[in-house]
Amino acid sequence: MKAGESHMKKDIPRSQYTEMSSEKLAEYLIFNRGFKVDQEIPENQGGGTTADRMKQDRIQEACSQLNGQAPDSSTAQKVQKIAKNSVQYPEGGVELGDWKEGQALAEDAYGWRVAHKVDDHNKRDPGGLCMNCHVFESDKKGRSGSIGVGLVGYGNKRGQGEETLRYTYRQIYNSHTNYPCGHMPRFGAKGLLTQEQIGDLMAYLLDPESPVNQ
């Protein structure tokens, strides 16, 4: 099915939503209830159209073919190679930023939304919403996700050696370098966060003064 087309042409009463599979409901809401796939996206949010954003890149194509299964050796190597080639390290080496800025980024859900309200990155920078998947601080478990690995005490466990800095930077920049076909966003490779913002997130994880390590 092409973007903008749908097998469902009739309006469906809300009472019938629960009778539809999650895939069919998503398709219906996107293509039949006003989602504009040809909507122009501002340059400060990546540019192009909503349909352009829905196109898969090489990593997404390779991982989608697995249908949710763990990658075989060949696919894993292919994905990791593409991911590693995408990583751009800061000039002068990887350094920690401001952990307070990193904490704010980890809890901020703003940015990259389209459809009825396009986020304006001229007004404020996007966040990462990392706490949607990870627990960073032990006293915030009740409002943090658990689909990702727990990160409480991350810096205490790993230290701040060069290997740790580069590993953590790669994980945030393009997680497929370490975990091919995982679900973590590729914050650096896709331009979602800047190198400076990644440094701030790393400080949140590694700085001894950060609440992550208390």
C-alpha atoms as a PDB file:
ATOM      1  CA  MET A   1       0.000   0.000   0.000  1.00  0.00           C
ATOM      2  CA  LYS A   2       1.338   3.435  -0.914  1.00  0.00           C
ATOM      3  CA  ALA A   3       1.511   6.260   1.604  1.00  0.00           C
ATOM      4  CA  GLY A   4      -1.783   8.090   1.659  1.00  0.00           C
ATOM      5  CA  GLU A   5      -3.798   5.099   0.444  1.00  0.00           C
ATOM      6  CA  SER A   6      -5.830   2.746   2.603  1.00  0.00           C
ATOM      7  CA  HIS A   7      -7.962  -0.339   2.276  1.00  0.00           C
ATOM      8  CA  MET A   8     -10.428   1.336   4.647  1.00  0.00           C
ATOM      9  CA  LYS A   9     -12.474   3.996   2.894  1.00  0.00           C
ATOM     10  CA  LYS A  10     -15.453   4.329   5.257  1.00  0.00           C
ATOM     11  CA  ASP A  11     -15.581   6.175   8.535  1.00  0.00           C
ATOM     12  CA  ILE A  12     -15.720   3.714  11.415  1.00  0.00           C
ATOM     13  CA  PRO A  13     -17.612   4.496  14.647  1.00  0.00           C
ATOM     14  CA  ARG A  14     -15.370   4.890  17.679  1.00  0.00           C
ATOM     15  CA  SER A  15     -17.295   2.081  19.345  1.00  0.00           C
ATOM     16  CA  GLN A  16     -15.739  -0.316  16.834  1.00  0.00           C
ATOM     17  CA  TYR A  17     -12.130   0.732  17.503  1.00  0.00           C
ATOM     18  CA  THR A  18     -11.670  -1.984  20.118  1.00  0.00           C
ATOM     19  CA  GLU A  19     -12.722  -4.638  17.597  1.00  0.00           C
ATOM     20  CA  MET A  20      -9.832  -3.761  15.258  1.00  0.00           C
ATOM     21  CA  SER A  21      -6.288  -5.058  15.493  1.00  0.00           C
ATOM     22  CA  SER A  22      -3.685  -2.514  16.580  1.00  0.00           C
ATOM     23  CA  GLU A  23      -2.210  -2.520  13.060  1.00  0.00           C
ATOM     24  CA  LYS A  24      -5.570  -1.879  11.365  1.00  0.00           C
ATOM     25  CA  LEU A  25      -6.513   0.788  13.885  1.00  0.00           C
ATOM     26  CA  ALA A  26      -3.209   2.585  13.379  1.00  0.00           C
ATOM     27  CA  GLU A  27      -3.634   2.408   9.593  1.00  0.00           C
ATOM     28  CA  TYR A  28      -7.176   3.735   9.834  1.00  0.00           C
ATOM     29  CA  LEU A  29      -6.334   6.614  12.162  1.00  0.00           C
ATOM     30  CA  ILE A  30      -3.324   7.631  10.080  1.00  0.00           C
ATOM     31  CA  PHE A  31      -4.758   7.427   6.596  1.00  0.00           C
ATOM     32  CA  ASN A  32      -8.507   7.952   7.115  1.00  0.00           C
ATOM     33  CA  ARG A  33      -8.764  10.425   9.980  1.00  0.00           C
ATOM     34  CA  GLY A  34      -6.841  13.409   8.706  1.00  0.00           C
ATOM     35  CA  PHE A  35      -3.167  12.485   8.951  1.00  0.00           C
ATOM     36  CA  LYS A  36      -1.577  14.297   6.019  1.00  0.00           C
ATOM     37  CA  VAL A  37       1.299  12.298   4.567  1.00  0.00           C
ATOM     38  CA  ASP A  38       2.105  15.144   2.175  1.00  0.00           C
ATOM     39  CA  GLN A  39       2.340  17.688   4.989  1.00  0.00           C
ATOM     40  CA  GLU A  40       5.467  19.842   4.699  1.00  0.00           C
ATOM     41  CA  ILE A  41       7.833  19.583   7.660  1.00  0.00           C
ATOM     42  CA  PRO A  42       9.793  22.743   8.600  1.00  0.00           C
ATOM     43  CA  GLU A  43      13.510  22.744   7.818  1.00  0.00           C
ATOM     44  CA  ASN A  44      14.320  23.130  11.504  1.00  0.00           C
ATOM     45  CA  GLN A  45      12.612  19.802  12.079  1.00  0.00           C
ATOM     46  CA  GLY A  46      14.290  17.928   9.256  1.00  0.00           C
ATOM     47  CA  GLY A  47      12.401  19.223   6.231  1.00  0.00           C
ATOM     48  CA  GLY A  48      10.632  17.167   3.551  1.00  0.00           C
ATOM     49  CA  THR A  49       7.192  15.712   4.109  1.00  0.00           C
ATOM     50  CA  THR A  50       5.607  13.302   6.555  1.00  0.00           C
ATOM     51  CA  ALA A  51       5.772  10.611   3.860  1.00  0.00           C
ATOM     52  CA  ASP A  52       9.524  11.189   3.513  1.00  0.00           C
ATOM     53  CA  ARG A  53       9.956  10.576   7.217  1.00  0.00           C
ATOM     54  CA  MET A  54       8.142   7.250   6.893  1.00  0.00           C
ATOM     55  CA  LYS A  55      10.646   5.882   4.356  1.00  0.00           C
ATOM     56  CA  GLN A  56      12.985   3.280   5.782  1.00  0.00           C
ATOM     57  CA  ASP A  57      16.758   3.591   5.596  1.00  0.00           C
ATOM     58  CA  ARG A  58      19.156   0.654   5.166  1.00  0.00           C
ATOM     59  CA  ILE A  59      19.238  -0.290   8.841  1.00  0.00           C
ATOM     60  CA  GLN A  60      15.460  -0.131   9.190  1.00  0.00           C
ATOM     61  CA  GLU A  61      14.969  -2.244   6.058  1.00  0.00           C
ATOM     62  CA  ALA A  62      17.384  -4.915   7.293  1.00  0.00           C
ATOM     63  CA  CYS A  63      15.868  -5.050  10.775  1.00  0.00           C
ATOM     64  CA  SER A  64      12.250  -4.996   9.546  1.00  0.00           C
ATOM     65  CA  GLN A  65      12.840  -8.195   7.607  1.00  0.00           C
ATOM     66  CA  LEU A  66      13.444  -9.990  10.916  1.00  0.00           C
ATOM     67  CA  ASN A  67       9.791  -9.537  11.981  1.00  0.00           C
ATOM     68  CA  GLY A  68      10.775  -8.949  15.583  1.00  0.00           C
ATOM     69  CA  GLN A  69      13.219 -11.849  15.807  1.00  0.00           C
ATOM     70  CA  ALA A  70      16.819 -11.494  16.971  1.00  0.00           C
ATOM     71  CA  PRO A  71      19.213 -10.719  14.097  1.00  0.00           C
ATOM     72  CA  ASP A  72      21.221 -13.537  12.587  1.00  0.00           C
ATOM     73  CA  SER A  73      24.995 -13.154  12.411  1.00  0.00           C
ATOM     74  CA  SER A  74      24.998 -11.840   8.836  1.00  0.00           C
ATOM     75  CA  THR A  75      22.313  -9.204   9.505  1.00  0.00           C
ATOM     76  CA  ALA A  76      23.945  -8.160  12.784  1.00  0.00           C
ATOM     77  CA  GLN A  77      27.314  -7.619  11.098  1.00  0.00           C
ATOM     78  CA  LYS A  78      25.733  -5.681   8.240  1.00  0.00           C
ATOM     79  CA  VAL A  79      23.775  -3.408  10.583  1.00  0.00           C
ATOM     80  CA  GLN A  80      26.739  -2.820  12.886  1.00  0.00           C
ATOM     81  CA  LYS A  81      28.967  -1.888   9.964  1.00  0.00           C
ATOM     82  CA  ILE A  82      26.478   0.696   8.690  1.00  0.00           C
ATOM     83  CA  ALA A  83      25.991   2.031  12.219  1.00  0.00           C
ATOM     84  CA  LYS A  84      29.709   2.342  12.984  1.00  0.00           C
ATOM     85  CA  ASN A  85      30.295   4.205   9.721  1.00  0.00           C
ATOM     86  CA  SER A  86      27.640   6.731  10.758  1.00  0.00           C
ATOM     87  CA  VAL A  87      29.282   7.718  14.040  1.00  0.00           C
ATOM     88  CA  GLN A  88      30.994  11.114  14.061  1.00  0.00           C
ATOM     89  CA  TYR A  89      33.079  11.758  17.163  1.00  0.00           C
ATOM     90  CA  PRO A  90      33.626  15.323  18.425  1.00  0.00           C
ATOM     91  CA  GLU A  91      36.845  17.043  17.421  1.00  0.00           C
ATOM     92  CA  GLY A  92      39.252  16.779  20.313  1.00  0.00           C
ATOM     93  CA  GLY A  93      37.657  13.616  21.671  1.00  0.00           C
ATOM     94  CA  VAL A  94      34.598  12.666  23.686  1.00  0.00           C
ATOM     95  CA  GLU A  95      34.040  14.830  26.749  1.00  0.00           C
ATOM     96  CA  LEU A  96      31.320  15.124  29.360  1.00  0.00           C
ATOM     97  CA  GLY A  97      29.009  18.138  29.305  1.00  0.00           C
ATOM     98  CA  ASP A  98      26.616  19.461  31.941  1.00  0.00           C
ATOM     99  CA  TRP A  99      24.736  16.752  33.823  1.00  0.00           C
ATOM    100  CA  LYS A 100      21.898  19.143  34.698  1.00  0.00           C
ATOM    101  CA  GLU A 101      21.322  19.824  31.012  1.00  0.00           C
ATOM    102  CA  GLY A 102      21.477  16.083  30.401  1.00  0.00           C
ATOM    103  CA  GLN A 103      18.879  15.414  33.065  1.00  0.00           C
ATOM    104  CA  ALA A 104      16.548  17.938  31.433  1.00  0.00           C
ATOM    105  CA  LEU A 105      17.041  16.301  28.029  1.00  0.00           C
ATOM    106  CA  ALA A 106      16.356  12.845  29.447  1.00  0.00           C
ATOM    107  CA  GLU A 107      13.018  14.017  30.832  1.00  0.00           C
ATOM    108  CA  ASP A 108      11.956  16.238  27.914  1.00  0.00           C
ATOM    109  CA  ALA A 109       9.497  14.868  25.332  1.00  0.00           C
ATOM    110  CA  TYR A 110       9.464  17.908  23.052  1.00  0.00           C
ATOM    111  CA  GLY A 111      10.397  17.689  19.398  1.00  0.00           C
ATOM    112  CA  TRP A 112       9.929  15.936  16.049  1.00  0.00           C
ATOM    113  CA  ARG A 113       6.132  15.612  16.232  1.00  0.00           C
ATOM    114  CA  VAL A 114       4.062  16.224  13.104  1.00  0.00           C
ATOM    115  CA  ALA A 115       0.381  15.732  12.151  1.00  0.00           C
ATOM    116  CA  HIS A 116      -1.981  18.208  13.818  1.00  0.00           C
ATOM    117  CA  LYS A 117       0.809  20.165  15.547  1.00  0.00           C
ATOM    118  CA  VAL A 118       4.331  20.406  14.197  1.00  0.00           C
ATOM    119  CA  ASP A 119       6.928  21.168  16.860  1.00  0.00           C
ATOM    120  CA  ASP A 120       8.754  24.445  16.256  1.00  0.00           C
ATOM    121  CA  HIS A 121      12.455  23.967  16.974  1.00  0.00           C
ATOM    122  CA  ASN A 122      13.015  27.706  16.560  1.00  0.00           C
ATOM    123  CA  LYS A 123      11.207  28.173  19.869  1.00  0.00           C
ATOM    124  CA  ARG A 124      13.034  25.472  21.829  1.00  0.00           C
ATOM    125  CA  ASP A 125      15.423  22.581  21.301  1.00  0.00           C
ATOM    126  CA  PRO A 126      14.071  19.015  21.207  1.00  0.00           C
ATOM    127  CA  GLY A 127      14.612  16.606  24.068  1.00  0.00           C
ATOM    128  CA  GLY A 128      15.361  12.897  24.193  1.00  0.00           C
ATOM    129  CA  LEU A 129      12.685  11.499  26.562  1.00  0.00           C
ATOM    130  CA  CYS A 130      15.189   8.829  27.630  1.00  0.00           C
ATOM    131  CA  MET A 131      13.258   8.169  30.862  1.00  0.00           C
ATOM    132  CA  ASN A 132      10.408   6.815  28.748  1.00  0.00           C
ATOM    133  CA  CYS A 133      12.469   3.600  28.446  1.00  0.00           C
ATOM    134  CA  HIS A 134      15.151   3.807  31.155  1.00  0.00           C
ATOM    135  CA  VAL A 135      15.273   4.286  34.918  1.00  0.00           C
ATOM    136  CA  PHE A 136      18.053   6.753  35.742  1.00  0.00           C
ATOM    137  CA  GLU A 137      17.312   7.671  39.349  1.00  0.00           C
ATOM    138  CA  SER A 138      16.088   5.186  41.937  1.00  0.00           C
ATOM    139  CA  ASP A 139      13.502   7.590  43.380  1.00  0.00           C
ATOM    140  CA  LYS A 140      11.922   8.096  39.931  1.00  0.00           C
ATOM    141  CA  LYS A 141      11.142   4.462  39.113  1.00  0.00           C
ATOM    142  CA  GLY A 142       7.426   5.101  39.400  1.00  0.00           C
ATOM    143  CA  ARG A 143       7.441   7.493  36.446  1.00  0.00           C
ATOM    144  CA  SER A 144      10.139   5.897  34.299  1.00  0.00           C
ATOM    145  CA  GLY A 145       9.899   3.178  31.679  1.00  0.00           C
ATOM    146  CA  SER A 146      11.527  -0.209  32.018  1.00  0.00           C
ATOM    147  CA  ILE A 147      11.736  -1.428  28.412  1.00  0.00           C
ATOM    148  CA  GLY A 148      15.392  -0.356  28.359  1.00  0.00           C
ATOM    149  CA  VAL A 149      18.195  -1.443  30.679  1.00  0.00           C
ATOM    150  CA  GLY A 150      18.240   0.187  34.122  1.00  0.00           C
ATOM    151  CA  LEU A 151      20.860   2.940  34.396  1.00  0.00           C
ATOM    152  CA  VAL A 152      20.887   3.728  38.118  1.00  0.00           C
ATOM    153  CA  GLY A 153      24.527   3.988  39.209  1.00  0.00           C
ATOM    154  CA  TYR A 154      25.806   3.815  35.612  1.00  0.00           C
ATOM    155  CA  GLY A 155      28.868   5.983  36.248  1.00  0.00           C
ATOM    156  CA  ASN A 156      29.699   4.287  39.534  1.00  0.00           C
ATOM    157  CA  LYS A 157      29.808   0.934  37.764  1.00  0.00           C
ATOM    158  CA  ARG A 158      31.678   1.977  34.606  1.00  0.00           C
ATOM    159  CA  GLY A 159      33.910   4.874  35.602  1.00  0.00           C
ATOM    160  CA  GLN A 160      35.015   7.577  33.163  1.00  0.00           C
ATOM    161  CA  GLY A 161      37.777   5.876  31.201  1.00  0.00           C
ATOM    162  CA  GLU A 162      38.251   6.475  27.475  1.00  0.00           C
ATOM    163  CA  GLU A 163      36.671   3.132  26.555  1.00  0.00           C
ATOM    164  CA  THR A 164      33.565   3.947  28.615  1.00  0.00           C
ATOM    165  CA  LEU A 165      33.304   7.425  27.109  1.00  0.00           C
ATOM    166  CA  ARG A 166      33.478   6.143  23.538  1.00  0.00           C
ATOM    167  CA  TYR A 167      31.113   3.227  24.224  1.00  0.00           C
ATOM    168  CA  THR A 168      28.505   5.490  25.828  1.00  0.00           C
ATOM    169  CA  TYR A 169      28.835   8.072  23.061  1.00  0.00           C
ATOM    170  CA  ARG A 170      28.327   5.386  20.381  1.00  0.00           C
ATOM    171  CA  GLN A 171      25.314   3.996  22.202  1.00  0.00           C
ATOM    172  CA  ILE A 172      23.565   7.358  22.243  1.00  0.00           C
ATOM    173  CA  TYR A 173      24.744   8.401  18.777  1.00  0.00           C
ATOM    174  CA  ASN A 174      23.737   5.139  17.075  1.00  0.00           C
ATOM    175  CA  SER A 175      22.741   2.272  19.355  1.00  0.00           C
ATOM    176  CA  HIS A 176      23.001  -0.262  16.528  1.00  0.00           C
ATOM    177  CA  THR A 177      26.790  -0.097  16.873  1.00  0.00           C
ATOM    178  CA  ASN A 178      26.448  -2.055  20.118  1.00  0.00           C
ATOM    179  CA  TYR A 179      23.017  -3.676  19.804  1.00  0.00           C
ATOM    180  CA  PRO A 180      22.067  -4.290  16.156  1.00  0.00           C
ATOM    181  CA  CYS A 181      18.337  -4.054  15.489  1.00  0.00           C
ATOM    182  CA  GLY A 182      17.571  -2.789  18.980  1.00  0.00           C
ATOM    183  CA  HIS A 183      14.788  -0.277  19.591  1.00  0.00           C
ATOM    184  CA  MET A 184      16.724   2.711  20.921  1.00  0.00           C
ATOM    185  CA  PRO A 185      16.539   5.832  18.716  1.00  0.00           C
ATOM    186  CA  ARG A 186      19.684   6.822  16.810  1.00  0.00           C
ATOM    187  CA  PHE A 187      19.933  10.243  18.387  1.00  0.00           C
ATOM    188  CA  GLY A 188      23.111  11.402  16.690  1.00  0.00           C
ATOM    189  CA  ALA A 189      22.954   9.547  13.392  1.00  0.00           C
ATOM    190  CA  LYS A 190      19.427  10.829  12.676  1.00  0.00           C
ATOM    191  CA  GLY A 191      20.177  14.371  13.829  1.00  0.00           C
ATOM    192  CA  LEU A 192      17.794  14.203  16.788  1.00  0.00           C
ATOM    193  CA  LEU A 193      20.407  15.471  19.241  1.00  0.00           C
ATOM    194  CA  THR A 194      23.623  17.436  18.729  1.00  0.00           C
ATOM    195  CA  GLN A 195      27.066  16.291  19.849  1.00  0.00           C
ATOM    196  CA  GLU A 196      26.888  18.826  22.674  1.00  0.00           C
ATOM    197  CA  GLN A 197      23.552  17.426  23.838  1.00  0.00           C
ATOM    198  CA  ILE A 198      24.958  13.897  23.734  1.00  0.00           C
ATOM    199  CA  GLY A 199      27.816  15.121  25.923  1.00  0.00           C
ATOM    200  CA  ASP A 200      25.279  16.477  28.396  1.00  0.00           C
ATOM    201  CA  LEU A 201      23.421  13.151  28.483  1.00  0.00           C
ATOM    202  CA  MET A 202      26.707  11.365  29.041  1.00  0.00           C
ATOM    203  CA  ALA A 203      27.439  13.670  31.980  1.00  0.00           C
ATOM    204  CA  TYR A 204      24.045  12.789  33.450  1.00  0.00           C
ATOM    205  CA  LEU A 205      25.067   9.140  33.242  1.00  0.00           C
ATOM    206  CA  LEU A 206      28.706   9.398  34.309  1.00  0.00           C
ATOM    207  CA  ASP A 207      29.321  12.508  36.420  1.00  0.00           C
ATOM    208  CA  PRO A 208      29.813  11.542  40.092  1.00  0.00           C
ATOM    209  CA  GLU A 209      27.689  14.547  41.095  1.00  0.00           C
ATOM    210  CA  SER A 210      24.751  13.444  38.944  1.00  0.00           C
ATOM    211  CA  PRO A 211      21.740  11.989  40.788  1.00  0.00           C
ATOM    212  CA  VAL A 212      22.189   8.893  38.627  1.00  0.00           C
ATOM    213  CA  ASN A 213      25.250   8.047  40.718  1.00  0.00           C
ATOM    214  CA  GLN A 214      23.974   8.961  44.193  1.00  0.00           C
END
